[in-house]
Amino acid sequence: MAKHNELGKIGEEIATQFLIENGYKILCRNFYFNKAEIDIIAQKDNNTVVIVEVKTRNSNFFGDPQSFVTPSKIKLLVKAANEYIISNELDVEVRFDIIAILKNQKEEKIEHFKNAFYHF
């Protein structure tokens, strides 16, 4: 496995544990629809499903991890989230969060951006 893929998987594991520790229930990990992947689908209350995009970097030299969530990525996330909600016949609000992780030998920093973007 390539180093960037390994780091991504490590980041998803860190994010999952972070969410659980903060009272979230993990509904699904790595949900695929067409060309889209949702890293984590979680729920904290009965009325809201949280779609979580995890971005992990070992350095912020080229920018913060969350800045790598592009408009095309958002569009794919919204399509996949819509499919998940419809296929599971859920009647809930949907929130899109980003968990940005900076992890290297010297530090591990996690930031949770709730309502990071809105779909329309």
PDB file of N, CA and C in Angstrom:
ATOM      1  N   MET A   1       0.842  -1.173   0.000  1.00  0.00           N
ATOM      2  CA  MET A   1       0.000   0.000   0.000  1.00  0.00           C
ATOM      3  C   MET A   1       0.890   1.241   0.000  1.00  0.00           C
ATOM      4  N   ALA A   2       0.535   2.234  -0.805  1.00  0.00           N
ATOM      5  CA  ALA A   2       1.309   3.469  -0.876  1.00  0.00           C
ATOM      6  C   ALA A   2       1.229   4.211   0.454  1.00  0.00           C
ATOM      7  N   LYS A   3       2.285   4.976   0.755  1.00  0.00           N
ATOM      8  CA  LYS A   3       2.348   5.694   2.039  1.00  0.00           C
ATOM      9  C   LYS A   3       1.166   6.638   2.231  1.00  0.00           C
ATOM     10  N   HIS A   4       0.733   7.338   1.160  1.00  0.00           N
ATOM     11  CA  HIS A   4      -0.391   8.261   1.316  1.00  0.00           C
ATOM     12  C   HIS A   4      -1.687   7.514   1.601  1.00  0.00           C
ATOM     13  N   ASN A   5      -1.851   6.317   1.033  1.00  0.00           N
ATOM     14  CA  ASN A   5      -3.029   5.503   1.337  1.00  0.00           C
ATOM     15  C   ASN A   5      -3.003   5.037   2.786  1.00  0.00           C
ATOM     16  N   GLU A   6      -1.811   4.642   3.251  1.00  0.00           N
ATOM     17  CA  GLU A   6      -1.644   4.221   4.643  1.00  0.00           C
ATOM     18  C   GLU A   6      -1.996   5.354   5.591  1.00  0.00           C
ATOM     19  N   LEU A   7      -1.497   6.542   5.312  1.00  0.00           N
ATOM     20  CA  LEU A   7      -1.774   7.701   6.151  1.00  0.00           C
ATOM     21  C   LEU A   7      -3.266   8.006   6.154  1.00  0.00           C
ATOM     22  N   GLY A   8      -3.907   7.883   5.009  1.00  0.00           N
ATOM     23  CA  GLY A   8      -5.348   8.110   4.921  1.00  0.00           C
ATOM     24  C   GLY A   8      -6.133   7.143   5.787  1.00  0.00           C
ATOM     25  N   LYS A   9      -5.760   5.882   5.755  1.00  0.00           N
ATOM     26  CA  LYS A   9      -6.435   4.859   6.578  1.00  0.00           C
ATOM     27  C   LYS A   9      -6.208   5.113   8.064  1.00  0.00           C
ATOM     28  N   ILE A  10      -4.998   5.503   8.410  1.00  0.00           N
ATOM     29  CA  ILE A  10      -4.696   5.846   9.802  1.00  0.00           C
ATOM     30  C   ILE A  10      -5.560   7.033  10.235  1.00  0.00           C
ATOM     31  N   GLY A  11      -5.656   8.026   9.373  1.00  0.00           N
ATOM     32  CA  GLY A  11      -6.471   9.205   9.669  1.00  0.00           C
ATOM     33  C   GLY A  11      -7.934   8.859   9.867  1.00  0.00           C
ATOM     34  N   GLU A  12      -8.469   7.965   9.030  1.00  0.00           N
ATOM     35  CA  GLU A  12      -9.866   7.553   9.176  1.00  0.00           C
ATOM     36  C   GLU A  12     -10.084   6.833  10.498  1.00  0.00           C
ATOM     37  N   GLU A  13      -9.109   6.041  10.909  1.00  0.00           N
ATOM     38  CA  GLU A  13      -9.215   5.340  12.190  1.00  0.00           C
ATOM     39  C   GLU A  13      -9.185   6.338  13.351  1.00  0.00           C
ATOM     40  N   ILE A  14      -8.307   7.321  13.283  1.00  0.00           N
ATOM     41  CA  ILE A  14      -8.231   8.369  14.312  1.00  0.00           C
ATOM     42  C   ILE A  14      -9.554   9.133  14.375  1.00  0.00           C
ATOM     43  N   ALA A  15     -10.081   9.491  13.204  1.00  0.00           N
ATOM     44  CA  ALA A  15     -11.342  10.234  13.143  1.00  0.00           C
ATOM     45  C   ALA A  15     -12.500   9.417  13.718  1.00  0.00           C
ATOM     46  N   THR A  16     -12.542   8.123  13.407  1.00  0.00           N
ATOM     47  CA  THR A  16     -13.594   7.258  13.923  1.00  0.00           C
ATOM     48  C   THR A  16     -13.549   7.222  15.447  1.00  0.00           C
ATOM     49  N   GLN A  17     -12.373   7.036  16.009  1.00  0.00           N
ATOM     50  CA  GLN A  17     -12.235   6.999  17.466  1.00  0.00           C
ATOM     51  C   GLN A  17     -12.599   8.347  18.092  1.00  0.00           C
ATOM     52  N   PHE A  18     -12.219   9.431  17.429  1.00  0.00           N
ATOM     53  CA  PHE A  18     -12.560  10.774  17.902  1.00  0.00           C
ATOM     54  C   PHE A  18     -14.073  10.943  17.969  1.00  0.00           C
ATOM     55  N   LEU A  19     -14.762  10.523  16.917  1.00  0.00           N
ATOM     56  CA  LEU A  19     -16.219  10.652  16.891  1.00  0.00           C
ATOM     57  C   LEU A  19     -16.877   9.817  17.986  1.00  0.00           C
ATOM     58  N   ILE A  20     -16.436   8.580  18.136  1.00  0.00           N
ATOM     59  CA  ILE A  20     -16.991   7.700  19.168  1.00  0.00           C
ATOM     60  C   ILE A  20     -16.779   8.318  20.555  1.00  0.00           C
ATOM     61  N   GLU A  21     -15.585   8.823  20.801  1.00  0.00           N
ATOM     62  CA  GLU A  21     -15.281   9.445  22.091  1.00  0.00           C
ATOM     63  C   GLU A  21     -16.127  10.692  22.344  1.00  0.00           C
ATOM     64  N   ASN A  22     -16.637  11.294  21.284  1.00  0.00           N
ATOM     65  CA  ASN A  22     -17.457  12.493  21.404  1.00  0.00           C
ATOM     66  C   ASN A  22     -18.949  12.203  21.258  1.00  0.00           C
ATOM     67  N   GLY A  23     -19.326  10.948  21.441  1.00  0.00           N
ATOM     68  CA  GLY A  23     -20.740  10.588  21.514  1.00  0.00           C
ATOM     69  C   GLY A  23     -21.430  10.263  20.207  1.00  0.00           C
ATOM     70  N   TYR A  24     -20.686  10.085  19.142  1.00  0.00           N
ATOM     71  CA  TYR A  24     -21.279   9.737  17.856  1.00  0.00           C
ATOM     72  C   TYR A  24     -21.377   8.223  17.710  1.00  0.00           C
ATOM     73  N   LYS A  25     -22.402   7.790  17.018  1.00  0.00           N
ATOM     74  CA  LYS A  25     -22.551   6.385  16.656  1.00  0.00           C
ATOM     75  C   LYS A  25     -22.127   6.267  15.195  1.00  0.00           C
ATOM     76  N   ILE A  26     -21.250   5.342  14.900  1.00  0.00           N
ATOM     77  CA  ILE A  26     -20.788   5.150  13.518  1.00  0.00           C
ATOM     78  C   ILE A  26     -21.794   4.246  12.805  1.00  0.00           C
ATOM     79  N   LEU A  27     -22.400   4.765  11.742  1.00  0.00           N
ATOM     80  CA  LEU A  27     -23.375   3.996  10.969  1.00  0.00           C
ATOM     81  C   LEU A  27     -22.718   3.216   9.841  1.00  0.00           C
ATOM     82  N   CYS A  28     -21.679   3.814   9.257  1.00  0.00           N
ATOM     83  CA  CYS A  28     -21.043   3.186   8.094  1.00  0.00           C
ATOM     84  C   CYS A  28     -19.679   3.837   7.878  1.00  0.00           C
ATOM     85  N   ARG A  29     -18.755   3.041   7.369  1.00  0.00           N
ATOM     86  CA  ARG A  29     -17.455   3.564   6.953  1.00  0.00           C
ATOM     87  C   ARG A  29     -17.215   3.167   5.509  1.00  0.00           C
ATOM     88  N   ASN A  30     -16.574   4.066   4.773  1.00  0.00           N
ATOM     89  CA  ASN A  30     -16.207   3.815   3.375  1.00  0.00           C
ATOM     90  C   ASN A  30     -17.402   3.389   2.535  1.00  0.00           C
ATOM     91  N   PHE A  31     -18.439   4.234   2.527  1.00  0.00           N
ATOM     92  CA  PHE A  31     -19.624   3.997   1.702  1.00  0.00           C
ATOM     93  C   PHE A  31     -19.335   4.494   0.289  1.00  0.00           C
ATOM     94  N   TYR A  32     -19.517   3.607  -0.678  1.00  0.00           N
ATOM     95  CA  TYR A  32     -19.248   3.943  -2.081  1.00  0.00           C
ATOM     96  C   TYR A  32     -20.541   4.045  -2.869  1.00  0.00           C
ATOM     97  N   PHE A  33     -20.595   5.048  -3.751  1.00  0.00           N
ATOM     98  CA  PHE A  33     -21.675   5.182  -4.719  1.00  0.00           C
ATOM     99  C   PHE A  33     -21.077   5.800  -5.972  1.00  0.00           C
ATOM    100  N   ASN A  34     -21.178   5.061  -7.078  1.00  0.00           N
ATOM    101  CA  ASN A  34     -20.529   5.480  -8.325  1.00  0.00           C
ATOM    102  C   ASN A  34     -19.058   5.789  -8.056  1.00  0.00           C
ATOM    103  N   LYS A  35     -18.624   7.011  -8.317  1.00  0.00           N
ATOM    104  CA  LYS A  35     -17.215   7.363  -8.115  1.00  0.00           C
ATOM    105  C   LYS A  35     -16.974   8.056  -6.778  1.00  0.00           C
ATOM    106  N   ALA A  36     -18.004   8.098  -5.937  1.00  0.00           N
ATOM    107  CA  ALA A  36     -17.906   8.817  -4.668  1.00  0.00           C
ATOM    108  C   ALA A  36     -17.695   7.859  -3.504  1.00  0.00           C
ATOM    109  N   GLU A  37     -16.929   8.333  -2.528  1.00  0.00           N
ATOM    110  CA  GLU A  37     -16.757   7.585  -1.289  1.00  0.00           C
ATOM    111  C   GLU A  37     -16.981   8.526  -0.121  1.00  0.00           C
ATOM    112  N   ILE A  38     -17.804   8.077   0.823  1.00  0.00           N
ATOM    113  CA  ILE A  38     -17.967   8.797   2.078  1.00  0.00           C
ATOM    114  C   ILE A  38     -17.109   8.062   3.096  1.00  0.00           C
ATOM    115  N   ASP A  39     -16.213   8.787   3.735  1.00  0.00           N
ATOM    116  CA  ASP A  39     -15.298   8.156   4.689  1.00  0.00           C
ATOM    117  C   ASP A  39     -16.049   7.601   5.901  1.00  0.00           C
ATOM    118  N   ILE A  40     -16.882   8.441   6.518  1.00  0.00           N
ATOM    119  CA  ILE A  40     -17.614   8.023   7.718  1.00  0.00           C
ATOM    120  C   ILE A  40     -19.022   8.605   7.674  1.00  0.00           C
ATOM    121  N   ILE A  41     -19.991   7.772   8.006  1.00  0.00           N
ATOM    122  CA  ILE A  41     -21.362   8.231   8.201  1.00  0.00           C
ATOM    123  C   ILE A  41     -21.678   7.975   9.667  1.00  0.00           C
ATOM    124  N   ALA A  42     -22.053   9.039  10.369  1.00  0.00           N
ATOM    125  CA  ALA A  42     -22.254   8.942  11.816  1.00  0.00           C
ATOM    126  C   ALA A  42     -23.562   9.610  12.218  1.00  0.00           C
ATOM    127  N   GLN A  43     -23.929   9.399  13.476  1.00  0.00           N
ATOM    128  CA  GLN A  43     -25.146  10.005  14.001  1.00  0.00           C
ATOM    129  C   GLN A  43     -24.937  10.292  15.484  1.00  0.00           C
ATOM    130  N   LYS A  44     -25.315  11.505  15.889  1.00  0.00           N
ATOM    131  CA  LYS A  44     -25.206  11.861  17.305  1.00  0.00           C
ATOM    132  C   LYS A  44     -26.590  11.978  17.925  1.00  0.00           C
ATOM    133  N   ASP A  45     -27.529  12.474  17.166  1.00  0.00           N
ATOM    134  CA  ASP A  45     -28.911  12.515  17.627  1.00  0.00           C
ATOM    135  C   ASP A  45     -29.784  11.847  16.570  1.00  0.00           C
ATOM    136  N   ASN A  46     -31.017  11.586  16.911  1.00  0.00           N
ATOM    137  CA  ASN A  46     -31.892  10.835  16.004  1.00  0.00           C
ATOM    138  C   ASN A  46     -32.308  11.616  14.768  1.00  0.00           C
ATOM    139  N   ASN A  47     -32.141  12.924  14.778  1.00  0.00           N
ATOM    140  CA  ASN A  47     -32.641  13.746  13.678  1.00  0.00           C
ATOM    141  C   ASN A  47     -31.601  14.090  12.621  1.00  0.00           C
ATOM    142  N   THR A  48     -30.340  13.793  12.873  1.00  0.00           N
ATOM    143  CA  THR A  48     -29.288  14.233  11.963  1.00  0.00           C
ATOM    144  C   THR A  48     -28.281  13.123  11.676  1.00  0.00           C
ATOM    145  N   VAL A  49     -28.033  12.911  10.392  1.00  0.00           N
ATOM    146  CA  VAL A  49     -26.956  12.021   9.953  1.00  0.00           C
ATOM    147  C   VAL A  49     -25.804  12.921   9.528  1.00  0.00           C
ATOM    148  N   VAL A  50     -24.608  12.557   9.975  1.00  0.00           N
ATOM    149  CA  VAL A  50     -23.424  13.373   9.706  1.00  0.00           C
ATOM    150  C   VAL A  50     -22.533  12.653   8.695  1.00  0.00           C
ATOM    151  N   ILE A  51     -22.306  13.308   7.573  1.00  0.00           N
ATOM    152  CA  ILE A  51     -21.416  12.811   6.530  1.00  0.00           C
ATOM    153  C   ILE A  51     -20.050  13.430   6.809  1.00  0.00           C
ATOM    154  N   VAL A  52     -19.050  12.577   7.047  1.00  0.00           N
ATOM    155  CA  VAL A  52     -17.738  13.077   7.460  1.00  0.00           C
ATOM    156  C   VAL A  52     -16.691  12.772   6.397  1.00  0.00           C
ATOM    157  N   GLU A  53     -16.050  13.819   5.926  1.00  0.00           N
ATOM    158  CA  GLU A  53     -14.907  13.692   5.025  1.00  0.00           C
ATOM    159  C   GLU A  53     -13.655  13.858   5.875  1.00  0.00           C
ATOM    160  N   VAL A  54     -12.767  12.880   5.826  1.00  0.00           N
ATOM    161  CA  VAL A  54     -11.532  12.913   6.609  1.00  0.00           C
ATOM    162  C   VAL A  54     -10.380  13.279   5.680  1.00  0.00           C
ATOM    163  N   LYS A  55      -9.641  14.290   6.069  1.00  0.00           N
ATOM    164  CA  LYS A  55      -8.450  14.691   5.319  1.00  0.00           C
ATOM    165  C   LYS A  55      -7.246  14.616   6.245  1.00  0.00           C
ATOM    166  N   THR A  56      -6.284  13.804   5.882  1.00  0.00           N
ATOM    167  CA  THR A  56      -5.101  13.596   6.704  1.00  0.00           C
ATOM    168  C   THR A  56      -3.860  13.991   5.913  1.00  0.00           C
ATOM    169  N   ARG A  57      -3.009  14.755   6.548  1.00  0.00           N
ATOM    170  CA  ARG A  57      -1.746  15.156   5.934  1.00  0.00           C
ATOM    171  C   ARG A  57      -0.638  15.000   6.979  1.00  0.00           C
ATOM    172  N   ASN A  58       0.584  14.852   6.504  1.00  0.00           N
ATOM    173  CA  ASN A  58       1.710  14.785   7.443  1.00  0.00           C
ATOM    174  C   ASN A  58       2.384  16.141   7.594  1.00  0.00           C
ATOM    175  N   SER A  59       1.938  17.120   6.808  1.00  0.00           N
ATOM    176  CA  SER A  59       2.488  18.465   6.874  1.00  0.00           C
ATOM    177  C   SER A  59       1.438  19.432   6.346  1.00  0.00           C
ATOM    178  N   ASN A  60       1.468  20.669   6.840  1.00  0.00           N
ATOM    179  CA  ASN A  60       0.570  21.680   6.284  1.00  0.00           C
ATOM    180  C   ASN A  60       1.332  22.628   5.355  1.00  0.00           C
ATOM    181  N   PHE A  61       2.459  22.168   4.847  1.00  0.00           N
ATOM    182  CA  PHE A  61       3.299  22.976   3.966  1.00  0.00           C
ATOM    183  C   PHE A  61       2.521  23.489   2.746  1.00  0.00           C
ATOM    184  N   PHE A  62       1.678  22.632   2.179  1.00  0.00           N
ATOM    185  CA  PHE A  62       0.903  23.014   0.992  1.00  0.00           C
ATOM    186  C   PHE A  62      -0.490  23.525   1.345  1.00  0.00           C
ATOM    187  N   GLY A  63      -0.807  23.636   2.618  1.00  0.00           N
ATOM    188  CA  GLY A  63      -2.108  24.118   3.060  1.00  0.00           C
ATOM    189  C   GLY A  63      -2.700  23.184   4.097  1.00  0.00           C
ATOM    190  N   ASP A  64      -3.698  23.685   4.799  1.00  0.00           N
ATOM    191  CA  ASP A  64      -4.383  22.883   5.803  1.00  0.00           C
ATOM    192  C   ASP A  64      -5.124  21.737   5.142  1.00  0.00           C
ATOM    193  N   PRO A  65      -5.239  20.603   5.839  1.00  0.00           N
ATOM    194  CA  PRO A  65      -5.906  19.435   5.243  1.00  0.00           C
ATOM    195  C   PRO A  65      -7.313  19.736   4.720  1.00  0.00           C
ATOM    196  N   GLN A  66      -8.094  20.521   5.468  1.00  0.00           N
ATOM    197  CA  GLN A  66      -9.472  20.798   5.071  1.00  0.00           C
ATOM    198  C   GLN A  66      -9.573  21.587   3.771  1.00  0.00           C
ATOM    199  N   SER A  67      -8.510  22.286   3.405  1.00  0.00           N
ATOM    200  CA  SER A  67      -8.545  23.076   2.169  1.00  0.00           C
ATOM    201  C   SER A  67      -8.496  22.190   0.914  1.00  0.00           C
ATOM    202  N   PHE A  68      -8.268  20.889   1.103  1.00  0.00           N
ATOM    203  CA  PHE A  68      -8.212  19.971  -0.028  1.00  0.00           C
ATOM    204  C   PHE A  68      -9.561  19.346  -0.368  1.00  0.00           C
ATOM    205  N   VAL A  69     -10.623  19.794   0.298  1.00  0.00           N
ATOM    206  CA  VAL A  69     -11.973  19.345  -0.060  1.00  0.00           C
ATOM    207  C   VAL A  69     -12.468  20.296  -1.151  1.00  0.00           C
ATOM    208  N   THR A  70     -12.432  19.813  -2.375  1.00  0.00           N
ATOM    209  CA  THR A  70     -12.717  20.639  -3.545  1.00  0.00           C
ATOM    210  C   THR A  70     -14.209  20.674  -3.862  1.00  0.00           C
ATOM    211  N   PRO A  71     -14.653  21.630  -4.665  1.00  0.00           N
ATOM    212  CA  PRO A  71     -16.062  21.662  -5.075  1.00  0.00           C
ATOM    213  C   PRO A  71     -16.503  20.367  -5.772  1.00  0.00           C
ATOM    214  N   SER A  72     -15.631  19.760  -6.568  1.00  0.00           N
ATOM    215  CA  SER A  72     -16.013  18.507  -7.225  1.00  0.00           C
ATOM    216  C   SER A  72     -16.153  17.381  -6.205  1.00  0.00           C
ATOM    217  N   LYS A  73     -15.322  17.380  -5.169  1.00  0.00           N
ATOM    218  CA  LYS A  73     -15.430  16.389  -4.097  1.00  0.00           C
ATOM    219  C   LYS A  73     -16.738  16.584  -3.333  1.00  0.00           C
ATOM    220  N   ILE A  74     -17.091  17.825  -3.072  1.00  0.00           N
ATOM    221  CA  ILE A  74     -18.347  18.132  -2.382  1.00  0.00           C
ATOM    222  C   ILE A  74     -19.531  17.614  -3.184  1.00  0.00           C
ATOM    223  N   LYS A  75     -19.497  17.839  -4.483  1.00  0.00           N
ATOM    224  CA  LYS A  75     -20.585  17.370  -5.349  1.00  0.00           C
ATOM    225  C   LYS A  75     -20.734  15.849  -5.267  1.00  0.00           C
ATOM    226  N   LEU A  76     -19.608  15.134  -5.288  1.00  0.00           N
ATOM    227  CA  LEU A  76     -19.650  13.670  -5.175  1.00  0.00           C
ATOM    228  C   LEU A  76     -20.163  13.230  -3.807  1.00  0.00           C
ATOM    229  N   LEU A  77     -19.739  13.913  -2.755  1.00  0.00           N
ATOM    230  CA  LEU A  77     -20.205  13.584  -1.406  1.00  0.00           C
ATOM    231  C   LEU A  77     -21.711  13.761  -1.283  1.00  0.00           C
ATOM    232  N   VAL A  78     -22.227  14.832  -1.846  1.00  0.00           N
ATOM    233  CA  VAL A  78     -23.669  15.091  -1.789  1.00  0.00           C
ATOM    234  C   VAL A  78     -24.440  13.998  -2.523  1.00  0.00           C
ATOM    235  N   LYS A  79     -23.951  13.584  -3.698  1.00  0.00           N
ATOM    236  CA  LYS A  79     -24.618  12.501  -4.441  1.00  0.00           C
ATOM    237  C   LYS A  79     -24.615  11.196  -3.647  1.00  0.00           C
ATOM    238  N   ALA A  80     -23.482  10.864  -3.065  1.00  0.00           N
ATOM    239  CA  ALA A  80     -23.378   9.625  -2.287  1.00  0.00           C
ATOM    240  C   ALA A  80     -24.238   9.697  -1.028  1.00  0.00           C
ATOM    241  N   ALA A  81     -24.258  10.845  -0.370  1.00  0.00           N
ATOM    242  CA  ALA A  81     -25.091  11.011   0.828  1.00  0.00           C
ATOM    243  C   ALA A  81     -26.562  10.849   0.478  1.00  0.00           C
ATOM    244  N   ASN A  82     -26.965  11.429  -0.629  1.00  0.00           N
ATOM    245  CA  ASN A  82     -28.351  11.307  -1.089  1.00  0.00           C
ATOM    246  C   ASN A  82     -28.708   9.836  -1.315  1.00  0.00           C
ATOM    247  N   GLU A  83     -27.808   9.098  -1.943  1.00  0.00           N
ATOM    248  CA  GLU A  83     -28.040   7.671  -2.181  1.00  0.00           C
ATOM    249  C   GLU A  83     -28.152   6.905  -0.862  1.00  0.00           C
ATOM    250  N   TYR A  84     -27.285   7.202   0.079  1.00  0.00           N
ATOM    251  CA  TYR A  84     -27.321   6.515   1.382  1.00  0.00           C
ATOM    252  C   TYR A  84     -28.655   6.771   2.083  1.00  0.00           C
ATOM    253  N   ILE A  85     -29.095   8.013   2.099  1.00  0.00           N
ATOM    254  CA  ILE A  85     -30.341   8.384   2.782  1.00  0.00           C
ATOM    255  C   ILE A  85     -31.535   7.699   2.113  1.00  0.00           C
ATOM    256  N   ILE A  86     -31.583   7.740   0.789  1.00  0.00           N
ATOM    257  CA  ILE A  86     -32.698   7.131   0.056  1.00  0.00           C
ATOM    258  C   ILE A  86     -32.692   5.614   0.199  1.00  0.00           C
ATOM    259  N   SER A  87     -31.540   4.992   0.006  1.00  0.00           N
ATOM    260  CA  SER A  87     -31.478   3.524   0.046  1.00  0.00           C
ATOM    261  C   SER A  87     -31.757   2.966   1.441  1.00  0.00           C
ATOM    262  N   ASN A  88     -31.537   3.773   2.480  1.00  0.00           N
ATOM    263  CA  ASN A  88     -31.829   3.337   3.844  1.00  0.00           C
ATOM    264  C   ASN A  88     -33.158   3.885   4.363  1.00  0.00           C
ATOM    265  N   GLU A  89     -33.891   4.551   3.473  1.00  0.00           N
ATOM    266  CA  GLU A  89     -35.217   5.106   3.782  1.00  0.00           C
ATOM    267  C   GLU A  89     -35.208   5.921   5.073  1.00  0.00           C
ATOM    268  N   LEU A  90     -34.247   6.822   5.180  1.00  0.00           N
ATOM    269  CA  LEU A  90     -34.114   7.657   6.370  1.00  0.00           C
ATOM    270  C   LEU A  90     -34.829   8.992   6.177  1.00  0.00           C
ATOM    271  N   ASP A  91     -35.452   9.469   7.227  1.00  0.00           N
ATOM    272  CA  ASP A  91     -36.101  10.775   7.225  1.00  0.00           C
ATOM    273  C   ASP A  91     -35.379  11.642   8.257  1.00  0.00           C
ATOM    274  N   VAL A  92     -34.224  12.166   7.857  1.00  0.00           N
ATOM    275  CA  VAL A  92     -33.354  12.896   8.769  1.00  0.00           C
ATOM    276  C   VAL A  92     -32.745  14.104   8.058  1.00  0.00           C
ATOM    277  N   GLU A  93     -32.217  15.013   8.866  1.00  0.00           N
ATOM    278  CA  GLU A  93     -31.399  16.098   8.338  1.00  0.00           C
ATOM    279  C   GLU A  93     -30.014  15.531   8.053  1.00  0.00           C
ATOM    280  N   VAL A  94     -29.304  16.154   7.117  1.00  0.00           N
ATOM    281  CA  VAL A  94     -27.951  15.723   6.789  1.00  0.00           C
ATOM    282  C   VAL A  94     -27.005  16.890   7.024  1.00  0.00           C
ATOM    283  N   ARG A  95     -25.910  16.601   7.714  1.00  0.00           N
ATOM    284  CA  ARG A  95     -24.888  17.605   7.976  1.00  0.00           C
ATOM    285  C   ARG A  95     -23.579  17.101   7.388  1.00  0.00           C
ATOM    286  N   PHE A  96     -22.811  17.994   6.804  1.00  0.00           N
ATOM    287  CA  PHE A  96     -21.522  17.644   6.210  1.00  0.00           C
ATOM    288  C   PHE A  96     -20.398  18.239   7.056  1.00  0.00           C
ATOM    289  N   ASP A  97     -19.561  17.365   7.601  1.00  0.00           N
ATOM    290  CA  ASP A  97     -18.435  17.774   8.440  1.00  0.00           C
ATOM    291  C   ASP A  97     -17.124  17.376   7.771  1.00  0.00           C
ATOM    292  N   ILE A  98     -16.074  18.055   8.172  1.00  0.00           N
ATOM    293  CA  ILE A  98     -14.717  17.674   7.775  1.00  0.00           C
ATOM    294  C   ILE A  98     -13.919  17.457   9.055  1.00  0.00           C
ATOM    295  N   ILE A  99     -13.204  16.357   9.101  1.00  0.00           N
ATOM    296  CA  ILE A  99     -12.236  16.154  10.170  1.00  0.00           C
ATOM    297  C   ILE A  99     -10.858  16.221   9.522  1.00  0.00           C
ATOM    298  N   ALA A 100     -10.096  17.228   9.948  1.00  0.00           N
ATOM    299  CA  ALA A 100      -8.761  17.457   9.401  1.00  0.00           C
ATOM    300  C   ALA A 100      -7.734  16.966  10.414  1.00  0.00           C
ATOM    301  N   ILE A 101      -6.832  16.131   9.936  1.00  0.00           N
ATOM    302  CA  ILE A 101      -5.826  15.544  10.811  1.00  0.00           C
ATOM    303  C   ILE A 101      -4.436  15.854  10.265  1.00  0.00           C
ATOM    304  N   LEU A 102      -3.612  16.359  11.142  1.00  0.00           N
ATOM    305  CA  LEU A 102      -2.210  16.574  10.823  1.00  0.00           C
ATOM    306  C   LEU A 102      -1.436  15.584  11.687  1.00  0.00           C
ATOM    307  N   LYS A 103      -0.801  14.616  11.047  1.00  0.00           N
ATOM    308  CA  LYS A 103      -0.118  13.555  11.795  1.00  0.00           C
ATOM    309  C   LYS A 103       1.243  13.289  11.201  1.00  0.00           C
ATOM    310  N   ASN A 104       2.243  13.417  12.072  1.00  0.00           N
ATOM    311  CA  ASN A 104       3.606  13.041  11.697  1.00  0.00           C
ATOM    312  C   ASN A 104       4.324  12.568  12.961  1.00  0.00           C
ATOM    313  N   GLN A 105       5.602  12.386  12.893  1.00  0.00           N
ATOM    314  CA  GLN A 105       6.337  11.859  14.051  1.00  0.00           C
ATOM    315  C   GLN A 105       6.346  12.821  15.235  1.00  0.00           C
ATOM    316  N   LYS A 106       6.193  14.106  14.969  1.00  0.00           N
ATOM    317  CA  LYS A 106       6.278  15.093  16.041  1.00  0.00           C
ATOM    318  C   LYS A 106       4.919  15.489  16.618  1.00  0.00           C
ATOM    319  N   GLU A 107       3.867  15.398  15.832  1.00  0.00           N
ATOM    320  CA  GLU A 107       2.579  15.865  16.321  1.00  0.00           C
ATOM    321  C   GLU A 107       1.408  15.095  15.724  1.00  0.00           C
ATOM    322  N   GLU A 108       0.296  15.178  16.456  1.00  0.00           N
ATOM    323  CA  GLU A 108      -0.979  14.659  15.964  1.00  0.00           C
ATOM    324  C   GLU A 108      -2.034  15.677  16.363  1.00  0.00           C
ATOM    325  N   LYS A 109      -2.603  16.327  15.374  1.00  0.00           N
ATOM    326  CA  LYS A 109      -3.573  17.388  15.611  1.00  0.00           C
ATOM    327  C   LYS A 109      -4.853  17.040  14.869  1.00  0.00           C
ATOM    328  N   ILE A 110      -5.989  17.170  15.558  1.00  0.00           N
ATOM    329  CA  ILE A 110      -7.273  16.872  14.931  1.00  0.00           C
ATOM    330  C   ILE A 110      -8.194  18.074  15.091  1.00  0.00           C
ATOM    331  N   GLU A 111      -8.843  18.449  14.002  1.00  0.00           N
ATOM    332  CA  GLU A 111      -9.823  19.528  14.023  1.00  0.00           C
ATOM    333  C   GLU A 111     -11.115  19.025  13.399  1.00  0.00           C
ATOM    334  N   HIS A 112     -12.233  19.321  14.070  1.00  0.00           N
ATOM    335  CA  HIS A 112     -13.551  18.891  13.598  1.00  0.00           C
ATOM    336  C   HIS A 112     -14.318  20.131  13.152  1.00  0.00           C
ATOM    337  N   PHE A 113     -14.591  20.217  11.863  1.00  0.00           N
ATOM    338  CA  PHE A 113     -15.347  21.333  11.304  1.00  0.00           C
ATOM    339  C   PHE A 113     -16.782  20.874  11.054  1.00  0.00           C
ATOM    340  N   LYS A 114     -17.687  21.285  11.948  1.00  0.00           N
ATOM    341  CA  LYS A 114     -19.098  20.929  11.793  1.00  0.00           C
ATOM    342  C   LYS A 114     -19.728  21.863  10.780  1.00  0.00           C
ATOM    343  N   ASN A 115     -20.688  21.332  10.012  1.00  0.00           N
ATOM    344  CA  ASN A 115     -21.339  22.119   8.958  1.00  0.00           C
ATOM    345  C   ASN A 115     -20.294  22.789   8.070  1.00  0.00           C
ATOM    346  N   ALA A 116     -19.334  22.008   7.627  1.00  0.00           N
ATOM    347  CA  ALA A 116     -18.205  22.541   6.857  1.00  0.00           C
ATOM    348  C   ALA A 116     -18.651  23.113   5.513  1.00  0.00           C
ATOM    349  N   PHE A 117     -19.701  22.541   4.959  1.00  0.00           N
ATOM    350  CA  PHE A 117     -20.270  23.073   3.723  1.00  0.00           C
ATOM    351  C   PHE A 117     -21.733  22.667   3.645  1.00  0.00           C
ATOM    352  N   TYR A 118     -22.448  23.365   2.804  1.00  0.00           N
ATOM    353  CA  TYR A 118     -23.876  23.101   2.648  1.00  0.00           C
ATOM    354  C   TYR A 118     -24.154  22.606   1.249  1.00  0.00           C
ATOM    355  N   HIS A 119     -25.087  21.695   1.155  1.00  0.00           N
ATOM    356  CA  HIS A 119     -25.501  21.210  -0.158  1.00  0.00           C
ATOM    357  C   HIS A 119     -26.751  21.975  -0.579  1.00  0.00           C
ATOM    358  N   PHE A 120     -26.999  21.998  -1.854  1.00  0.00           N
ATOM    359  CA  PHE A 120     -28.223  22.646  -2.364  1.00  0.00           C
ATOM    360  C   PHE A 120     -28.652  22.004  -3.639  1.00  0.00           C
TER     361      PHE A 120
END
